[in-house]
Protein backbone atom coordinates (compact mmCIF):
# COMPACT_ATOMS: atom_id res chain seq x y z
CA MET A 1 0.04 -0.03 0.00
CA LYS A 2 2.85 2.35 0.86
CA SER A 3 4.61 1.77 -2.45
CA PHE A 4 1.72 3.12 -4.54
CA PRO A 5 2.42 6.83 -3.97
CA ILE A 6 6.11 6.22 -4.49
CA ALA A 7 5.46 4.49 -7.78
CA LEU A 8 3.04 7.21 -8.83
CA THR A 9 5.59 9.90 -8.05
CA LEU A 10 8.29 7.95 -10.01
CA ALA A 11 5.98 7.60 -12.99
CA ALA A 12 5.26 11.34 -12.92
CA THR A 13 8.95 12.11 -12.77
CA LEU A 14 9.77 9.81 -15.70
CA ALA A 15 6.88 11.42 -17.67
CA ALA A 16 8.20 14.84 -16.99
CA ALA A 17 11.70 13.82 -18.07
CA SER A 18 10.37 12.63 -21.38
CA LEU A 19 8.09 15.63 -22.05
CA PRO A 20 10.81 18.06 -23.06
CA ARG A 21 12.27 15.55 -25.55
CA GLN A 22 8.83 14.80 -27.03
CA ILE A 23 8.01 18.48 -27.43
CA ASP A 24 11.35 19.25 -29.09
CA GLN A 25 10.88 16.34 -31.48
CA LEU A 26 7.36 17.42 -32.31
CA ILE A 27 8.43 20.99 -33.23
CA ALA A 28 11.46 19.72 -35.13
CA ALA A 29 9.28 17.36 -37.20
CA SER A 30 7.18 20.19 -38.65
CA PRO A 31 8.85 22.52 -41.25
CA ALA A 32 6.22 25.21 -40.43
CA ALA A 33 6.87 24.98 -36.65
CA ARG A 34 10.64 24.55 -36.99
CA SER A 35 11.04 27.97 -38.69
CA ALA A 36 8.70 29.77 -36.27
CA PHE A 37 9.62 31.47 -32.94
CA TRP A 38 8.31 29.47 -30.05
CA GLY A 39 7.86 30.49 -26.42
CA ILE A 40 6.64 27.80 -24.06
CA LYS A 41 6.47 27.36 -20.23
CA ILE A 42 4.68 24.49 -18.56
CA VAL A 43 4.40 24.25 -14.79
CA ASP A 44 2.98 21.63 -12.43
CA LEU A 45 0.68 23.64 -10.14
CA ALA A 46 0.91 21.30 -7.13
CA SER A 47 4.67 21.25 -6.89
CA GLY A 48 5.53 24.47 -8.80
CA ARG A 49 8.04 22.46 -10.86
CA THR A 50 8.71 23.59 -14.43
CA LEU A 51 8.00 20.64 -16.79
CA TYR A 52 9.17 22.38 -19.90
CA GLU A 53 10.48 25.79 -20.93
CA GLN A 54 11.60 27.25 -24.27
CA ASN A 55 12.32 31.01 -24.59
CA GLY A 56 10.27 31.58 -21.41
CA ALA A 57 11.88 34.95 -20.71
CA HIS A 58 11.67 36.26 -24.34
CA PHE A 59 9.07 38.66 -25.62
CA PHE A 60 6.19 37.60 -27.84
CA VAL A 61 3.19 39.31 -29.33
CA PRO A 62 0.38 37.59 -27.34
CA ALA A 63 -2.64 38.58 -29.46
CA SER A 64 -5.85 37.70 -27.46
CA ASN A 65 -3.81 36.05 -24.64
CA THR A 66 -3.78 39.69 -23.48
CA LYS A 67 -7.37 39.13 -22.41
CA LEU A 68 -6.10 36.80 -19.66
CA PHE A 69 -4.51 39.84 -18.01
CA THR A 70 -7.55 42.08 -18.55
CA THR A 71 -10.21 39.64 -17.34
CA ALA A 72 -8.13 38.61 -14.30
CA LEU A 73 -7.76 42.29 -13.37
CA ALA A 74 -11.46 43.03 -13.75
CA LEU A 75 -12.55 39.90 -11.82
CA THR A 76 -10.15 40.65 -9.00
CA ARG A 77 -10.56 44.41 -8.70
CA LEU A 78 -14.30 44.73 -9.39
CA GLY A 79 -15.64 41.34 -8.18
CA PRO A 80 -18.02 38.96 -9.99
CA ASP A 81 -21.22 40.86 -8.93
CA PHE A 82 -20.22 44.31 -10.23
CA THR A 83 -22.88 45.89 -12.50
CA PHE A 84 -23.22 48.69 -14.96
CA GLN A 85 -25.98 51.32 -15.17
CA THR A 86 -27.39 52.92 -18.30
CA ARG A 87 -29.70 55.86 -17.60
CA VAL A 88 -31.95 58.30 -19.43
CA LEU A 89 -31.80 61.78 -17.85
CA ALA A 90 -33.50 65.17 -18.40
CA ASP A 91 -32.95 68.49 -16.90
CA ALA A 92 -36.46 68.63 -15.64
CA ALA A 93 -39.40 66.28 -15.24
CA PRO A 94 -42.12 66.29 -17.86
CA ASP A 95 -44.87 68.92 -17.31
CA ALA A 96 -48.57 68.11 -16.94
CA ALA A 97 -48.86 67.78 -20.73
CA GLY A 98 -45.96 65.31 -20.91
CA ARG A 99 -43.57 67.87 -22.40
CA ILE A 100 -39.83 68.02 -21.55
CA ALA A 101 -38.19 71.36 -22.24
CA GLY A 102 -34.55 70.73 -23.19
CA ALA A 103 -32.37 67.84 -24.06
CA VAL A 104 -32.74 64.23 -22.96
CA ARG A 105 -29.49 62.34 -22.41
CA LEU A 106 -28.93 58.59 -22.91
CA VAL A 107 -26.01 58.18 -20.47
CA GLY A 108 -23.78 55.20 -20.86
CA GLY A 109 -22.20 53.55 -17.84
CA GLY A 110 -19.97 51.04 -19.55
CA ASP A 111 -22.49 48.23 -20.08
CA PRO A 112 -21.03 46.01 -22.83
CA ASN A 113 -24.19 43.99 -23.35
CA LEU A 114 -26.86 46.43 -24.64
CA SER A 115 -27.50 43.91 -27.39
CA ALA A 116 -29.34 40.70 -28.27
CA ARG A 117 -26.64 38.49 -26.75
CA ALA A 118 -27.77 35.67 -24.55
CA ILE A 119 -26.70 35.96 -20.88
CA PRO A 120 -25.49 33.70 -19.27
CA TYR A 121 -23.12 32.77 -22.04
CA THR A 122 -24.59 30.34 -24.58
CA PRO A 123 -22.62 28.90 -27.47
CA GLY A 124 -23.80 30.08 -30.89
CA PRO A 125 -24.64 33.35 -32.52
CA ALA A 126 -26.69 36.07 -30.90
CA THR A 127 -30.35 36.13 -32.07
CA GLY A 128 -33.17 38.54 -31.49
CA ASP A 129 -33.55 42.26 -31.47
CA PRO A 130 -30.12 43.99 -31.16
CA LEU A 131 -31.91 47.12 -29.77
CA VAL A 132 -33.83 45.28 -27.10
CA ALA A 133 -32.14 47.23 -24.27
CA LEU A 134 -32.86 50.57 -25.84
CA GLU A 135 -36.45 49.38 -26.48
CA GLU A 136 -36.78 48.76 -22.76
CA LEU A 137 -35.46 52.23 -21.96
CA ALA A 138 -37.70 53.95 -24.45
CA GLY A 139 -40.67 52.05 -22.97
CA GLN A 140 -39.81 53.36 -19.49
CA VAL A 141 -39.68 56.92 -20.84
CA ALA A 142 -43.11 56.51 -22.45
CA ALA A 143 -44.43 54.98 -19.21
CA ARG A 144 -43.39 58.23 -17.46
CA GLY A 145 -46.03 60.02 -19.57
CA VAL A 146 -43.58 61.82 -21.86
CA LYS A 147 -45.28 62.97 -25.05
CA ARG A 148 -42.90 65.53 -26.41
CA ILE A 149 -39.21 66.45 -26.07
CA ASP A 150 -38.28 69.99 -27.15
CA GLY A 151 -34.56 69.39 -27.38
CA ASP A 152 -31.87 67.02 -28.63
CA ILE A 153 -31.38 63.33 -27.76
CA VAL A 154 -27.78 63.21 -26.53
CA GLY A 155 -25.69 60.06 -26.53
CA ASP A 156 -23.47 60.65 -23.52
CA ASP A 157 -20.41 58.43 -23.20
CA THR A 158 -18.43 60.66 -20.79
CA TRP A 159 -18.26 57.90 -18.18
CA TYR A 160 -15.12 56.86 -20.02
CA VAL A 161 -12.58 59.07 -21.76
CA TRP A 162 -13.14 59.20 -25.54
CA GLU A 163 -10.19 57.11 -26.71
CA PRO A 164 -11.85 54.93 -29.34
CA TYR A 165 -8.77 53.19 -30.63
CA ALA A 166 -5.55 51.83 -29.09
CA ALA A 167 -2.00 52.31 -30.11
CA GLY A 168 -0.86 49.52 -32.41
CA TRP A 169 -4.29 48.81 -34.03
CA SER A 170 -4.23 48.52 -37.79
CA VAL A 171 -5.75 51.37 -39.76
CA ASP A 172 -8.43 49.00 -41.13
CA ASP A 173 -9.32 47.39 -37.77
CA PRO A 174 -12.18 49.88 -37.10
CA ARG A 175 -13.93 48.96 -40.34
CA SER A 176 -15.07 45.65 -38.75
CA GLU A 177 -16.46 44.58 -35.43
CA ASP A 178 -12.96 43.35 -34.35
CA GLY A 179 -11.83 46.93 -33.96
CA ALA A 180 -15.08 48.60 -33.05
CA PRO A 181 -14.46 51.86 -31.20
CA VAL A 182 -14.41 51.85 -27.37
CA SER A 183 -17.24 53.81 -25.78
CA ALA A 184 -19.04 53.91 -22.42
CA LEU A 185 -22.23 53.93 -24.46
CA THR A 186 -22.10 50.71 -26.48
CA VAL A 187 -25.05 49.26 -28.42
CA ASN A 188 -24.89 45.94 -30.30
CA ASP A 189 -21.11 45.76 -29.81
CA ASN A 190 -20.76 49.01 -31.73
CA ALA A 191 -21.36 47.19 -34.92
CA CYS A 192 -24.04 46.83 -37.54
CA ASP A 193 -24.75 44.05 -40.00
CA LEU A 194 -24.57 44.94 -43.74
CA ASN A 195 -26.79 42.53 -45.72
CA VAL A 196 -26.44 42.21 -49.51
CA ARG A 197 -29.01 40.23 -51.51
CA PRO A 198 -29.64 39.90 -55.27
CA GLY A 199 -32.28 42.11 -56.86
CA ALA A 200 -35.25 40.93 -58.86
CA GLY A 201 -33.45 40.51 -62.18
CA ALA A 202 -30.08 40.70 -63.85
CA GLY A 203 -29.00 44.33 -64.11
CA ASP A 204 -31.03 45.44 -61.14
CA PRO A 205 -29.36 47.03 -58.09
CA ALA A 206 -28.76 44.56 -55.31
CA ILE A 207 -30.79 44.88 -52.12
CA VAL A 208 -28.47 46.37 -49.48
CA THR A 209 -29.73 46.85 -45.92
CA LEU A 210 -28.32 47.57 -42.51
CA ASN A 211 -29.37 45.74 -39.30
CA PRO A 212 -30.31 47.33 -36.87
CA PRO A 213 -32.33 49.51 -39.23
CA VAL A 214 -30.90 52.78 -37.95
CA GLU A 215 -30.22 55.73 -40.32
CA TYR A 216 -26.56 56.26 -39.66
CA TYR A 217 -24.16 55.81 -42.51
CA ASN A 218 -24.60 57.55 -45.87
CA LEU A 219 -24.87 54.35 -47.90
CA GLU A 220 -24.11 54.32 -51.57
CA ASN A 221 -25.11 51.04 -53.25
CA ARG A 222 -23.26 50.20 -56.47
CA VAL A 223 -23.77 46.43 -56.30
CA ARG A 224 -25.43 44.96 -59.44
CA THR A 225 -27.33 41.71 -59.84
CA VAL A 226 -25.85 39.45 -62.56
CA ALA A 227 -26.82 36.17 -64.16
CA ALA A 228 -27.12 33.05 -62.03
CA GLY A 229 -23.95 31.07 -61.73
CA ALA A 230 -21.62 34.11 -61.95
CA GLU A 231 -19.19 35.00 -59.26
CA ARG A 232 -20.21 37.01 -56.18
CA ARG A 233 -17.81 39.85 -55.61
CA ILE A 234 -18.75 42.33 -52.87
CA HIS A 235 -16.52 45.16 -51.75
CA ILE A 236 -16.97 47.87 -49.11
CA GLU A 237 -15.09 51.10 -48.50
CA ARG A 238 -15.23 53.61 -45.66
CA VAL A 239 -12.43 56.01 -44.92
CA PRO A 240 -11.78 56.16 -41.15
CA GLY A 241 -13.58 59.19 -39.78
CA SER A 242 -16.01 59.27 -42.65
CA MET A 243 -19.76 58.59 -42.52
CA ASP A 244 -19.83 57.66 -46.25
CA LEU A 245 -20.15 53.92 -46.91
CA LEU A 246 -19.61 52.70 -50.46
CA VAL A 247 -20.59 49.14 -51.40
CA TRP A 248 -19.89 47.90 -54.92
CA GLY A 249 -19.49 44.69 -56.94
CA THR A 250 -21.75 41.94 -58.31
CA ILE A 251 -24.10 39.27 -56.91
CA PRO A 252 -25.69 36.57 -59.03
CA LEU A 253 -29.46 35.75 -59.08
CA GLY A 254 -30.33 33.07 -56.65
CA ASP A 255 -27.30 33.77 -54.48
CA LYS A 256 -27.69 33.30 -50.72
CA GLY A 257 -26.22 36.75 -50.25
CA GLU A 258 -23.47 38.09 -48.00
CA ASP A 259 -23.51 39.50 -44.48
CA MET A 260 -20.67 41.66 -43.13
CA LEU A 261 -20.29 43.26 -39.70
CA LEU A 262 -19.22 46.89 -39.79
CA GLY A 263 -17.80 48.96 -36.97
CA ILE A 264 -19.72 52.12 -35.90
CA GLU A 265 -17.70 55.31 -36.24
CA ASP A 266 -19.24 57.14 -33.27
CA PRO A 267 -21.11 54.75 -30.92
CA ALA A 268 -22.64 57.52 -28.76
CA LEU A 269 -24.09 59.24 -31.82
CA TYR A 270 -25.38 55.91 -33.17
CA ALA A 271 -27.05 55.11 -29.83
CA ALA A 272 -28.67 58.58 -29.81
CA LYS A 273 -30.01 58.12 -33.33
CA ALA A 274 -31.35 54.69 -32.46
CA PHE A 275 -32.94 55.94 -29.23
CA ARG A 276 -34.56 58.92 -30.95
CA GLN A 277 -36.10 56.56 -33.50
CA LEU A 278 -37.41 54.24 -30.80
CA LEU A 279 -38.98 57.18 -28.85
CA GLU A 280 -40.74 58.38 -31.98
CA GLU A 281 -42.09 54.93 -32.67
CA ARG A 282 -43.77 55.16 -29.23
CA GLY A 283 -45.49 58.37 -30.23
CA ILE A 284 -43.06 60.74 -28.47
CA ALA A 285 -42.42 63.76 -30.63
CA VAL A 286 -38.72 64.91 -30.68
CA THR A 287 -38.02 68.34 -32.07
CA GLY A 288 -34.25 68.23 -31.76
CA SER A 289 -31.52 66.19 -33.38
CA ALA A 290 -29.44 63.19 -32.24
CA THR A 291 -26.05 64.37 -30.97
CA ALA A 292 -23.09 62.92 -29.05
CA ARG A 293 -21.24 64.13 -25.97
CA HIS A 294 -17.67 62.89 -25.33
CA LEU A 295 -15.01 63.49 -22.67
CA TYR A 296 -11.80 64.16 -24.58
CA PRO A 297 -8.35 63.46 -23.12
CA HIS A 298 -7.41 67.16 -23.08
CA GLU A 299 -10.35 67.85 -20.82
CA LEU A 300 -8.79 65.74 -18.04
CA ALA A 301 -6.19 68.41 -17.24
CA SER A 302 -8.25 69.84 -14.49
CA LEU A 303 -8.97 66.46 -12.89
CA THR A 304 -6.87 64.38 -10.52
CA GLN A 305 -7.31 60.78 -9.57
CA ALA A 306 -8.43 61.82 -6.08
CA ASP A 307 -11.40 63.68 -7.61
CA GLU A 308 -14.20 61.20 -7.82
CA PRO A 309 -16.78 62.60 -10.24
CA ALA A 310 -20.26 63.04 -8.93
CA GLN A 311 -23.16 61.07 -10.33
CA ASP A 312 -24.48 62.83 -13.46
CA PRO A 313 -27.21 65.19 -12.33
CA GLY A 314 -30.72 65.31 -13.79
CA VAL A 315 -34.15 63.85 -13.49
CA GLU A 316 -33.97 60.07 -14.17
CA LEU A 317 -36.58 58.88 -16.69
CA ALA A 318 -35.28 55.32 -17.11
CA ARG A 319 -32.54 52.93 -16.02
CA HIS A 320 -31.17 49.64 -17.20
CA THR A 321 -28.92 47.52 -14.94
CA SER A 322 -26.60 45.06 -16.49
CA ALA A 323 -26.10 41.39 -15.66
CA PRO A 324 -23.22 40.73 -13.12
CA LEU A 325 -19.73 41.34 -14.49
CA LEU A 326 -18.85 37.63 -14.25
CA GLU A 327 -21.26 36.91 -17.03
CA ASP A 328 -19.66 39.41 -19.32
CA LEU A 329 -16.14 38.26 -18.53
CA ARG A 330 -17.15 34.74 -19.63
CA ILE A 331 -18.36 36.13 -22.90
CA THR A 332 -15.20 38.23 -23.32
CA ALA A 333 -12.86 35.27 -22.81
CA LYS A 334 -14.85 32.50 -24.38
CA VAL A 335 -15.62 34.26 -27.72
CA SER A 336 -12.56 36.59 -27.49
CA GLN A 337 -14.59 39.76 -27.66
CA ASN A 338 -12.16 42.64 -28.21
CA LEU A 339 -14.45 45.59 -27.41
CA HIS A 340 -15.59 43.98 -24.14
CA ALA A 341 -12.07 43.51 -22.98
CA GLU A 342 -11.25 47.17 -23.64
CA MET A 343 -14.39 48.15 -21.77
CA ALA A 344 -13.46 45.96 -18.80
CA LEU A 345 -10.07 47.66 -18.56
CA ARG A 346 -11.72 51.10 -18.49
CA ALA A 347 -14.30 49.89 -15.91
CA VAL A 348 -11.53 49.06 -13.57
CA ALA A 349 -9.91 52.43 -14.18
CA ARG A 350 -13.20 54.29 -13.53
CA ALA A 351 -13.96 52.35 -10.32
CA ARG A 352 -10.44 52.34 -8.85
CA ARG A 353 -8.90 55.58 -10.13
CA HIS A 354 -12.02 57.63 -10.93
CA VAL A 355 -10.99 58.21 -14.54
CA GLY A 356 -12.22 55.81 -17.24
CA SER A 357 -9.09 56.11 -19.40
CA PHE A 358 -6.71 53.62 -20.88
CA GLU A 359 -3.77 55.12 -18.95
CA ALA A 360 -5.59 54.86 -15.66
CA GLY A 361 -6.40 51.21 -16.53
CA ARG A 362 -2.75 50.51 -17.43
CA GLU A 363 -1.62 51.95 -14.11
CA GLU A 364 -4.05 49.72 -12.30
CA MET A 365 -2.77 46.75 -14.32
CA ARG A 366 0.84 47.56 -13.40
CA ALA A 367 -0.12 47.56 -9.69
CA PHE A 368 -2.04 44.29 -10.09
CA LEU A 369 0.82 42.47 -11.82
CA ALA A 370 3.36 43.84 -9.34
CA GLU A 371 1.33 42.15 -6.60
CA MET A 372 1.93 38.75 -8.18
CA GLY A 373 5.58 39.34 -8.83
CA VAL A 374 5.48 40.21 -12.52
CA ASP A 375 8.12 42.75 -13.17
CA GLN A 376 7.25 45.77 -15.31
CA GLY A 377 10.00 44.86 -17.67
CA ASP A 378 8.38 41.54 -18.45
CA TYR A 379 5.47 43.02 -20.51
CA ASN A 380 4.28 45.90 -22.63
CA LEU A 381 0.51 46.03 -22.78
CA MET A 382 -0.84 48.78 -25.07
CA ASP A 383 -4.48 47.70 -24.98
CA GLY A 384 -6.83 45.44 -23.15
CA SER A 385 -7.81 43.06 -25.92
CA GLY A 386 -4.59 42.00 -27.68
CA LEU A 387 -5.49 43.57 -31.00
CA SER A 388 -2.51 45.86 -30.65
CA ARG A 389 0.61 44.70 -32.52
CA LEU A 390 2.63 46.58 -29.86
CA ASP A 391 1.70 44.21 -27.03
CA LEU A 392 4.53 42.15 -25.67
CA VAL A 393 4.68 39.49 -22.93
CA THR A 394 6.84 36.60 -21.90
CA PRO A 395 5.53 33.10 -21.45
CA ALA A 396 6.92 33.25 -17.87
CA ALA A 397 4.73 36.32 -17.13
CA VAL A 398 1.67 34.58 -18.43
CA VAL A 399 2.31 31.47 -16.23
CA LYS A 400 2.88 33.69 -13.22
CA LEU A 401 -0.59 35.19 -13.83
CA LEU A 402 -2.10 31.69 -14.20
CA ARG A 403 -0.49 30.45 -11.02
CA TYR A 404 -1.62 33.54 -9.09
CA MET A 405 -5.20 33.25 -10.19
CA TYR A 406 -5.24 29.46 -9.54
CA ARG A 407 -4.24 30.11 -5.92
CA SER A 408 -6.65 33.01 -5.54
CA PRO A 409 -10.11 32.93 -3.85
CA ALA A 410 -11.52 33.67 -7.35
CA ARG A 411 -10.16 30.31 -8.77
CA GLU A 412 -13.49 28.71 -9.64
CA ASN A 413 -14.94 31.82 -11.28
CA TRP A 414 -11.64 32.53 -13.05
CA ILE A 415 -11.35 29.05 -14.69
CA SER A 416 -15.02 29.25 -15.59
CA LEU A 417 -14.24 32.14 -17.93
CA LEU A 418 -11.88 30.22 -20.14
CA PRO A 419 -12.94 28.33 -23.29
CA VAL A 420 -13.14 24.55 -22.71
CA GLY A 421 -11.60 22.24 -25.27
CA GLY A 422 -14.20 20.52 -27.43
CA LYS A 423 -17.02 22.21 -25.62
CA ASP A 424 -17.40 25.97 -26.03
CA GLY A 425 -15.94 29.29 -27.14
CA THR A 426 -12.96 29.43 -29.40
CA LEU A 427 -11.96 25.92 -28.42
CA SER A 428 -15.27 24.34 -29.36
CA SER A 429 -13.78 22.66 -32.44
CA ARG A 430 -10.40 21.83 -30.85
CA PHE A 431 -9.67 18.95 -28.45
CA ALA A 432 -13.05 17.37 -29.26
CA GLU A 433 -11.59 13.82 -28.91
CA GLY A 434 -8.95 12.15 -26.88
CA PRO A 435 -7.76 12.67 -23.25
CA ALA A 436 -7.71 16.51 -23.67
CA ALA A 437 -11.43 16.75 -24.36
CA GLY A 438 -13.10 18.81 -21.74
CA ARG A 439 -9.81 19.10 -19.81
CA ILE A 440 -8.15 22.03 -21.51
CA HIS A 441 -9.26 25.42 -20.12
CA ALA A 442 -7.36 27.97 -22.12
CA LYS A 443 -7.41 31.32 -23.96
CA THR A 444 -6.63 31.38 -27.64
CA GLY A 445 -4.90 34.15 -29.54
CA SER A 446 -4.55 34.92 -33.21
CA LEU A 447 -3.14 37.71 -35.39
CA SER A 448 -1.15 37.63 -38.60
CA HIS A 449 1.85 35.33 -37.96
CA VAL A 450 0.78 34.93 -34.34
CA SER A 451 -0.85 32.00 -32.62
CA ALA A 452 -1.22 31.48 -28.90
CA LEU A 453 -2.83 29.19 -26.30
CA SER A 454 -2.40 29.68 -22.58
CA GLY A 455 -4.38 28.19 -19.63
CA TYR A 456 -4.73 24.96 -17.73
CA ALA A 457 -4.66 21.28 -18.44
CA GLN A 458 -6.41 18.92 -15.93
CA ARG A 459 -4.54 15.66 -16.25
CA LEU A 460 -6.29 12.29 -16.00
CA ASP A 461 -4.57 11.76 -12.62
CA GLY A 462 -6.21 14.88 -11.35
CA ARG A 463 -3.13 17.04 -11.30
CA TRP A 464 -3.44 20.56 -12.81
CA VAL A 465 -0.80 22.12 -15.12
CA ALA A 466 -0.51 25.76 -16.15
CA PHE A 467 0.98 26.41 -19.54
CA SER A 468 1.64 29.24 -22.05
CA ILE A 469 2.37 28.55 -25.67
CA LEU A 470 3.13 31.66 -27.72
CA VAL A 471 4.20 31.32 -31.40
CA ASN A 472 5.30 34.25 -33.50
CA ASN A 473 6.85 34.84 -36.94
CA TYR A 474 5.66 31.76 -38.79
CA ASN A 475 5.06 31.85 -42.51
CA ALA A 476 2.64 28.98 -42.87
CA PRO A 477 -1.15 28.42 -42.64
CA THR A 478 -2.21 28.99 -39.03
CA GLY A 479 -3.85 25.55 -38.99
CA GLU A 480 -0.43 23.88 -39.17
CA ILE A 481 0.86 25.77 -36.14
CA ARG A 482 -2.33 25.12 -34.19
CA THR A 483 -1.97 21.36 -34.89
CA VAL A 484 1.45 21.40 -33.23
CA ILE A 485 0.16 23.40 -30.33
CA ASP A 486 -2.71 20.99 -29.80
CA ARG A 487 -0.34 18.01 -29.93
CA ILE A 488 1.80 19.66 -27.25
CA CYS A 489 -1.29 19.91 -25.11
CA ALA A 490 -1.98 16.20 -25.74
CA LEU A 491 1.57 15.44 -24.49
CA ILE A 492 0.89 17.48 -21.32
CA MET A 493 -2.09 15.23 -20.63
CA GLU A 494 -0.06 12.10 -20.73
């Protein structure tokens, strides 16, 4: 009976001894992997022993592995039950006739889920009305007896500083939902769906629509319907900063059509336009326009971090309270939602340092990482999502974060954020079979020439392993690199 633990320990030691050789042979056997730059660190969490390391102290672009840092910060600093408030305010209550003299403000409080997304997280695409939260708010305003607004509808996102894009993002990132601008007033992930369908006959203009159906972009449709069987070729163009959206190309008769997600140039203005439209649909006359109100970085000069801004004054006409933060962090990590990660960083900044700016968030991140022993020289994080090509981390720093969170009181909630191999999120189609199925809890990362996977492996003997695999500078299909990464994870399980 006493020999069993000794035998088990000996087997684990022998397996650990062979793991480095197996990983080295695996990388060497693939021409695509062999020419790439690999950073790997694998640690047994019970003993703290390093099982394998390659370039653990070297810098790598982490892509969406950056979200590990952001979600850990938000969960630790704000707590799982933190909520966001979105409010509708007026300078005065409606009079006896239901009239409001002056502007009505739709004030964002950083809620990332004013959308049709299912909460709690559910695998699969979001369905339903993307404006459902604004519908609820408009209904509350109508229920207050408001009949007429003699003023503008103002989309107010001053809860966070207006810094829509991060350093190191590509110039074309904001065109899609991947690089949607960061705003405290976010509706439908600050994106709209462009739908292109063939017209009635060859030569006719295609049918081009936007969903949600909000009049926002100046849309010019130059897509023509062509004969069945021809090639579908759809192109879009929007210069950053412009509201002019050009769509051109061809689409054949009988074609299923094409759907593209577009980033919204000014989310607060878009929200105001959508809200004005919804108020009018409820019979509320609005004489003013839809406008936006931002807090620009240069306006912070008169503020200090000790000055906690007062709650925005005004008569509250409506309020929407978000789901608990934990639910959004699951969405952020599992589907790798860039915008939500950026908003989480600013939420921490606003709550802890009273300024919802990137710089305040970065200062809080530095303090957080210092607490776990990650030196400031071991990373360079220029955003909260990993979309920035300027982000740099070492595999050793990632593993320090993973070990810290595993030992923290938030362990159960923390691990629940991560995609699970073969089950959900960005790992739903990976590790579907074999011993790793359901036992890899890890965050993916992908940019051009970058592939990453960091998290935990729960071995069949019950032992937990933390690992970080960061691969840069490969010139091969990403699938080839991911295959090697996944095989490394399979070796960890053995």
